[in-house]
Amino acid sequence: MTNLRHRILLHAYVTEKSMDEMERQNKLEFVVDRRANRAEIRRAVEEVYQCKVAKVTVKIVRTGKIATVKFAPPFSAEDIGSRAGVF
């Protein structure tokens, strides 16, 4: 089951806008498998990074699928981002 979680989350998606959202809105963006739905993405993030997710939004772009994950207040997107390899 753990391997499935790692196949859903491919890598963190880092742009100027995503860095601003991380600081101001407690959000991170991930490139995810195109077949994954919001519930699977939520479970994968919660299991891999041991955190609580408040909301998941998904956008499909030419290069794949990008999930924006908003974390619940006790968890910091900056801390999770450092574990995800953003910095």
N, C-alpha and C. Protein backbone atom coordinates (compact mmCIF):
# COMPACT_ATOMS: atom_id res chain seq x y z
N MET A 1 0.82 -1.19 0.00
CA MET A 1 0.00 0.00 0.00
C MET A 1 0.86 1.26 0.00
N THR A 2 1.99 1.24 0.68
CA THR A 2 2.87 2.40 0.72
C THR A 2 3.40 2.73 -0.67
N ASN A 3 3.74 1.71 -1.45
CA ASN A 3 4.23 1.96 -2.80
C ASN A 3 3.18 2.66 -3.65
N LEU A 4 1.91 2.33 -3.44
CA LEU A 4 0.83 2.99 -4.16
C LEU A 4 0.79 4.47 -3.81
N ARG A 5 1.00 4.82 -2.55
CA ARG A 5 0.99 6.22 -2.13
C ARG A 5 2.11 6.99 -2.80
N HIS A 6 3.27 6.37 -2.92
CA HIS A 6 4.40 7.05 -3.55
C HIS A 6 4.22 7.16 -5.06
N ARG A 7 3.40 6.29 -5.65
CA ARG A 7 3.15 6.39 -7.08
C ARG A 7 2.12 7.48 -7.39
N ILE A 8 1.27 7.81 -6.43
CA ILE A 8 0.28 8.88 -6.62
C ILE A 8 0.97 10.23 -6.60
N LEU A 9 1.81 10.48 -5.59
CA LEU A 9 2.54 11.74 -5.48
C LEU A 9 3.86 11.61 -6.22
N LEU A 10 4.00 12.27 -7.34
CA LEU A 10 5.21 12.14 -8.13
C LEU A 10 6.32 13.04 -7.59
N HIS A 11 6.04 14.35 -7.44
CA HIS A 11 7.01 15.28 -6.86
C HIS A 11 6.33 16.61 -6.57
N ALA A 12 7.00 17.45 -5.79
CA ALA A 12 6.48 18.78 -5.50
C ALA A 12 6.60 19.66 -6.73
N TYR A 13 5.65 20.57 -6.91
CA TYR A 13 5.63 21.48 -8.05
C TYR A 13 5.97 22.87 -7.52
N VAL A 14 7.12 23.41 -7.92
CA VAL A 14 7.61 24.65 -7.34
C VAL A 14 7.64 25.75 -8.41
N THR A 15 6.87 26.80 -8.16
CA THR A 15 6.88 28.02 -8.96
C THR A 15 6.84 29.20 -8.01
N GLU A 16 6.95 30.42 -8.53
CA GLU A 16 6.84 31.59 -7.66
C GLU A 16 5.47 31.64 -7.01
N LYS A 17 4.45 31.33 -7.78
CA LYS A 17 3.09 31.36 -7.24
C LYS A 17 2.90 30.31 -6.14
N SER A 18 3.43 29.11 -6.36
CA SER A 18 3.29 28.06 -5.34
C SER A 18 4.06 28.41 -4.07
N MET A 19 5.21 29.07 -4.22
CA MET A 19 5.97 29.49 -3.03
C MET A 19 5.21 30.56 -2.26
N ASP A 20 4.54 31.48 -2.96
CA ASP A 20 3.73 32.51 -2.31
C ASP A 20 2.55 31.88 -1.58
N GLU A 21 1.89 30.90 -2.22
CA GLU A 21 0.78 30.20 -1.57
C GLU A 21 1.24 29.44 -0.34
N MET A 22 2.45 28.90 -0.40
CA MET A 22 2.98 28.16 0.74
C MET A 22 3.13 29.09 1.95
N GLU A 23 3.64 30.30 1.72
CA GLU A 23 3.87 31.23 2.81
C GLU A 23 2.57 31.87 3.32
N ARG A 24 1.70 32.26 2.42
CA ARG A 24 0.51 33.03 2.81
C ARG A 24 -0.72 32.20 3.12
N GLN A 25 -0.91 31.08 2.39
CA GLN A 25 -2.16 30.33 2.50
C GLN A 25 -1.99 28.91 3.02
N ASN A 26 -0.77 28.53 3.41
CA ASN A 26 -0.50 27.19 3.96
C ASN A 26 -0.85 26.09 2.95
N LYS A 27 -0.42 26.28 1.67
CA LYS A 27 -0.70 25.32 0.61
C LYS A 27 0.59 24.86 -0.05
N LEU A 28 0.56 23.64 -0.57
CA LEU A 28 1.65 23.09 -1.38
C LEU A 28 1.05 22.50 -2.65
N GLU A 29 1.84 22.48 -3.72
CA GLU A 29 1.40 21.87 -4.97
C GLU A 29 2.26 20.66 -5.28
N PHE A 30 1.61 19.61 -5.78
CA PHE A 30 2.28 18.37 -6.14
C PHE A 30 1.87 17.97 -7.54
N VAL A 31 2.80 17.42 -8.31
CA VAL A 31 2.45 16.76 -9.56
C VAL A 31 2.04 15.35 -9.17
N VAL A 32 0.85 14.94 -9.62
CA VAL A 32 0.29 13.64 -9.22
C VAL A 32 -0.04 12.81 -10.45
N ASP A 33 -0.28 11.54 -10.23
CA ASP A 33 -0.68 10.63 -11.29
C ASP A 33 -2.02 11.09 -11.86
N ARG A 34 -2.16 11.07 -13.17
CA ARG A 34 -3.40 11.53 -13.82
C ARG A 34 -4.62 10.72 -13.41
N ARG A 35 -4.42 9.48 -13.01
CA ARG A 35 -5.56 8.62 -12.67
C ARG A 35 -6.03 8.80 -11.23
N ALA A 36 -5.29 9.53 -10.41
CA ALA A 36 -5.64 9.69 -9.00
C ALA A 36 -6.77 10.71 -8.83
N ASN A 37 -7.68 10.41 -7.90
CA ASN A 37 -8.74 11.37 -7.60
C ASN A 37 -8.41 12.11 -6.30
N ARG A 38 -9.26 13.04 -5.91
CA ARG A 38 -8.98 13.89 -4.75
C ARG A 38 -8.84 13.10 -3.45
N ALA A 39 -9.70 12.12 -3.27
CA ALA A 39 -9.65 11.32 -2.03
C ALA A 39 -8.34 10.53 -1.94
N GLU A 40 -7.90 9.97 -3.05
CA GLU A 40 -6.64 9.23 -3.06
C GLU A 40 -5.46 10.15 -2.81
N ILE A 41 -5.50 11.35 -3.38
CA ILE A 41 -4.42 12.32 -3.16
C ILE A 41 -4.38 12.73 -1.69
N ARG A 42 -5.54 12.98 -1.10
CA ARG A 42 -5.62 13.35 0.32
C ARG A 42 -5.02 12.26 1.20
N ARG A 43 -5.42 11.01 0.97
CA ARG A 43 -4.89 9.90 1.78
C ARG A 43 -3.39 9.75 1.59
N ALA A 44 -2.91 9.90 0.35
CA ALA A 44 -1.47 9.76 0.09
C ALA A 44 -0.67 10.83 0.82
N VAL A 45 -1.10 12.08 0.76
CA VAL A 45 -0.38 13.17 1.44
C VAL A 45 -0.40 12.96 2.94
N GLU A 46 -1.56 12.59 3.51
CA GLU A 46 -1.67 12.38 4.95
C GLU A 46 -0.79 11.23 5.42
N GLU A 47 -0.69 10.16 4.64
CA GLU A 47 0.12 9.01 5.05
C GLU A 47 1.61 9.25 4.85
N VAL A 48 2.00 9.87 3.75
CA VAL A 48 3.42 10.07 3.47
C VAL A 48 4.02 11.12 4.41
N TYR A 49 3.30 12.22 4.65
CA TYR A 49 3.86 13.33 5.44
C TYR A 49 3.29 13.42 6.86
N GLN A 50 2.48 12.48 7.31
CA GLN A 50 1.90 12.44 8.65
C GLN A 50 1.32 13.80 9.05
N CYS A 51 0.32 14.25 8.28
CA CYS A 51 -0.29 15.55 8.53
C CYS A 51 -1.80 15.43 8.28
N LYS A 52 -2.50 16.53 8.48
CA LYS A 52 -3.94 16.58 8.23
C LYS A 52 -4.20 17.55 7.09
N VAL A 53 -4.92 17.10 6.07
CA VAL A 53 -5.23 17.92 4.90
C VAL A 53 -6.62 18.52 5.06
N ALA A 54 -6.73 19.83 4.82
CA ALA A 54 -8.01 20.51 4.91
C ALA A 54 -8.76 20.46 3.59
N LYS A 55 -8.04 20.64 2.45
CA LYS A 55 -8.71 20.70 1.16
C LYS A 55 -7.73 20.33 0.05
N VAL A 56 -8.26 19.69 -0.99
CA VAL A 56 -7.47 19.34 -2.17
C VAL A 56 -8.19 19.87 -3.40
N THR A 57 -7.48 20.64 -4.21
CA THR A 57 -8.00 21.06 -5.51
C THR A 57 -7.06 20.53 -6.58
N VAL A 58 -7.64 20.23 -7.75
CA VAL A 58 -6.87 19.59 -8.81
C VAL A 58 -7.05 20.38 -10.10
N LYS A 59 -5.94 20.55 -10.83
CA LYS A 59 -6.03 21.13 -12.17
C LYS A 59 -5.25 20.24 -13.13
N ILE A 60 -5.79 20.11 -14.32
CA ILE A 60 -5.15 19.29 -15.34
C ILE A 60 -4.51 20.24 -16.34
N VAL A 61 -3.22 20.06 -16.55
CA VAL A 61 -2.46 20.88 -17.49
C VAL A 61 -1.88 19.97 -18.56
N ARG A 62 -1.25 20.57 -19.52
CA ARG A 62 -0.71 19.79 -20.65
C ARG A 62 0.29 18.73 -20.20
N THR A 63 1.09 19.07 -19.19
CA THR A 63 2.13 18.14 -18.75
C THR A 63 1.65 17.10 -17.75
N GLY A 64 0.43 17.22 -17.23
CA GLY A 64 -0.08 16.24 -16.27
C GLY A 64 -1.15 16.82 -15.36
N LYS A 65 -1.17 16.35 -14.14
CA LYS A 65 -2.18 16.76 -13.17
C LYS A 65 -1.47 17.37 -11.97
N ILE A 66 -1.93 18.54 -11.54
CA ILE A 66 -1.32 19.23 -10.40
C ILE A 66 -2.36 19.37 -9.30
N ALA A 67 -2.02 18.91 -8.11
CA ALA A 67 -2.90 19.00 -6.96
C ALA A 67 -2.40 20.08 -6.01
N THR A 68 -3.30 20.98 -5.61
CA THR A 68 -2.98 21.98 -4.61
C THR A 68 -3.58 21.49 -3.30
N VAL A 69 -2.74 21.33 -2.29
CA VAL A 69 -3.16 20.76 -1.01
C VAL A 69 -3.07 21.84 0.06
N LYS A 70 -4.20 22.10 0.73
CA LYS A 70 -4.21 23.04 1.85
C LYS A 70 -4.19 22.23 3.14
N PHE A 71 -3.28 22.59 4.04
CA PHE A 71 -3.11 21.84 5.28
C PHE A 71 -3.91 22.45 6.41
N ALA A 72 -4.33 21.61 7.36
CA ALA A 72 -5.07 22.04 8.54
C ALA A 72 -4.16 22.92 9.40
N PRO A 73 -4.72 23.85 10.19
CA PRO A 73 -3.93 24.85 10.92
C PRO A 73 -2.75 24.36 11.77
N PRO A 74 -2.80 23.25 12.48
CA PRO A 74 -1.60 22.94 13.27
C PRO A 74 -0.39 22.53 12.44
N PHE A 75 -0.57 22.26 11.15
CA PHE A 75 0.53 21.81 10.30
C PHE A 75 0.97 22.95 9.39
N SER A 76 2.28 23.07 9.21
CA SER A 76 2.85 24.15 8.41
C SER A 76 3.27 23.62 7.03
N ALA A 77 2.86 24.31 5.98
CA ALA A 77 3.24 23.91 4.63
C ALA A 77 4.74 24.06 4.42
N GLU A 78 5.37 24.99 5.12
CA GLU A 78 6.81 25.18 4.99
C GLU A 78 7.57 23.97 5.56
N ASP A 79 7.11 23.45 6.70
CA ASP A 79 7.76 22.26 7.28
C ASP A 79 7.58 21.04 6.37
N ILE A 80 6.37 20.86 5.87
CA ILE A 80 6.09 19.72 5.00
C ILE A 80 6.83 19.90 3.67
N GLY A 81 6.93 21.12 3.19
CA GLY A 81 7.67 21.40 1.97
C GLY A 81 9.14 21.07 2.09
N SER A 82 9.71 21.32 3.25
CA SER A 82 11.12 20.97 3.44
C SER A 82 11.30 19.46 3.43
N ARG A 83 10.33 18.71 3.96
CA ARG A 83 10.40 17.25 3.89
C ARG A 83 10.17 16.73 2.48
N ALA A 84 9.38 17.49 1.69
CA ALA A 84 9.07 17.07 0.33
C ALA A 84 10.17 17.44 -0.67
N GLY A 85 11.14 18.23 -0.23
CA GLY A 85 12.25 18.58 -1.10
C GLY A 85 12.06 19.88 -1.85
N VAL A 86 11.22 20.77 -1.36
CA VAL A 86 10.99 22.04 -2.01
C VAL A 86 12.20 22.95 -1.83
N PHE A 87 12.81 22.91 -0.65
CA PHE A 87 13.94 23.81 -0.36
C PHE A 87 15.25 23.12 -0.62
